[in-house]
């Protein structure tokens, strides 16, 4: 796995959370946030497993 995939997804997720804060959306009620968080954990596990 490319070593830039996980940090780039984390940066995009942080930007997404900031955008939701600025638009005054509830980021805890958005199911996409949980999917992205699960994806980050899954990719982190794959990265650790590869090493």
C-alpha atoms as a PDB file:
ATOM      1  CA  UNK A   1       0.000   0.000   0.000  1.00  0.00           C
ATOM      2  CA  UNK A   2       1.230   3.467  -0.839  1.00  0.00           C
ATOM      3  CA  UNK A   3       2.449   5.313   2.249  1.00  0.00           C
ATOM      4  CA  UNK A   4       0.615   8.518   1.262  1.00  0.00           C
ATOM      5  CA  UNK A   5      -2.894   7.030   1.151  1.00  0.00           C
ATOM      6  CA  UNK A   6      -3.624   6.987   4.882  1.00  0.00           C
ATOM      7  CA  UNK A   7      -2.321  10.510   5.695  1.00  0.00           C
ATOM      8  CA  UNK A   8      -4.187  11.976   2.734  1.00  0.00           C
ATOM      9  CA  UNK A   9      -7.459  10.348   3.830  1.00  0.00           C
ATOM     10  CA  UNK A  10      -6.938  11.651   7.364  1.00  0.00           C
ATOM     11  CA  UNK A  11      -6.335  15.194   6.063  1.00  0.00           C
ATOM     12  CA  UNK A  12      -9.463  15.045   3.898  1.00  0.00           C
ATOM     13  CA  UNK A  13     -11.475  13.768   6.879  1.00  0.00           C
ATOM     14  CA  UNK A  14     -10.214  16.622   9.072  1.00  0.00           C
ATOM     15  CA  UNK A  15     -11.180  19.132   6.369  1.00  0.00           C
ATOM     16  CA  UNK A  16     -14.622  17.487   6.149  1.00  0.00           C
ATOM     17  CA  UNK A  17     -15.088  17.856   9.938  1.00  0.00           C
ATOM     18  CA  UNK A  18     -14.014  21.519   9.784  1.00  0.00           C
ATOM     19  CA  UNK A  19     -16.453  22.148   6.921  1.00  0.00           C
ATOM     20  CA  UNK A  20     -19.280  20.627   8.935  1.00  0.00           C
ATOM     21  CA  UNK A  21     -18.352  22.829  11.901  1.00  0.00           C
ATOM     22  CA  UNK A  22     -18.392  25.962   9.740  1.00  0.00           C
ATOM     23  CA  UNK A  23     -21.768  25.054   8.227  1.00  0.00           C
ATOM     24  CA  UNK A  24     -23.097  24.264  11.719  1.00  0.00           C
ATOM     25  CA  UNK A  25     -23.957  20.704  10.789  1.00  0.00           C
ATOM     26  CA  UNK A  26     -24.045  17.953  13.395  1.00  0.00           C
ATOM     27  CA  UNK A  27     -21.041  15.815  12.543  1.00  0.00           C
ATOM     28  CA  UNK A  28     -21.990  13.209  15.171  1.00  0.00           C
ATOM     29  CA  UNK A  29     -25.284  12.456  13.415  1.00  0.00           C
ATOM     30  CA  UNK A  30     -23.793  12.121   9.941  1.00  0.00           C
ATOM     31  CA  UNK A  31     -23.340   8.417   9.073  1.00  0.00           C
ATOM     32  CA  UNK A  32     -20.654   9.230   6.502  1.00  0.00           C
ATOM     33  CA  UNK A  33     -18.326  10.308   9.321  1.00  0.00           C
ATOM     34  CA  UNK A  34     -18.566   6.880  10.945  1.00  0.00           C
ATOM     35  CA  UNK A  35     -17.863   5.204   7.598  1.00  0.00           C
ATOM     36  CA  UNK A  36     -14.781   7.361   7.029  1.00  0.00           C
ATOM     37  CA  UNK A  37     -13.549   6.726  10.580  1.00  0.00           C
ATOM     38  CA  UNK A  38     -14.011   2.969  10.039  1.00  0.00           C
ATOM     39  CA  UNK A  39     -12.126   3.234   6.742  1.00  0.00           C
ATOM     40  CA  UNK A  40      -9.217   5.043   8.437  1.00  0.00           C
ATOM     41  CA  UNK A  41      -9.016   2.367  11.145  1.00  0.00           C
ATOM     42  CA  UNK A  42      -9.169  -0.407   8.527  1.00  0.00           C
ATOM     43  CA  UNK A  43      -6.405   1.173   6.417  1.00  0.00           C
ATOM     44  CA  UNK A  44      -4.280   1.718   9.528  1.00  0.00           C
ATOM     45  CA  UNK A  45      -4.643  -1.968  10.432  1.00  0.00           C
ATOM     46  CA  UNK A  46      -3.657  -2.973   6.886  1.00  0.00           C
ATOM     47  CA  UNK A  47      -0.622  -0.685   7.025  1.00  0.00           C
ATOM     48  CA  UNK A  48       0.530  -2.131  10.344  1.00  0.00           C
ATOM     49  CA  UNK A  49      -0.064  -5.657   9.068  1.00  0.00           C
ATOM     50  CA  UNK A  50       2.068  -5.007   5.951  1.00  0.00           C
ATOM     51  CA  UNK A  51       5.016  -3.897   8.057  1.00  0.00           C
END
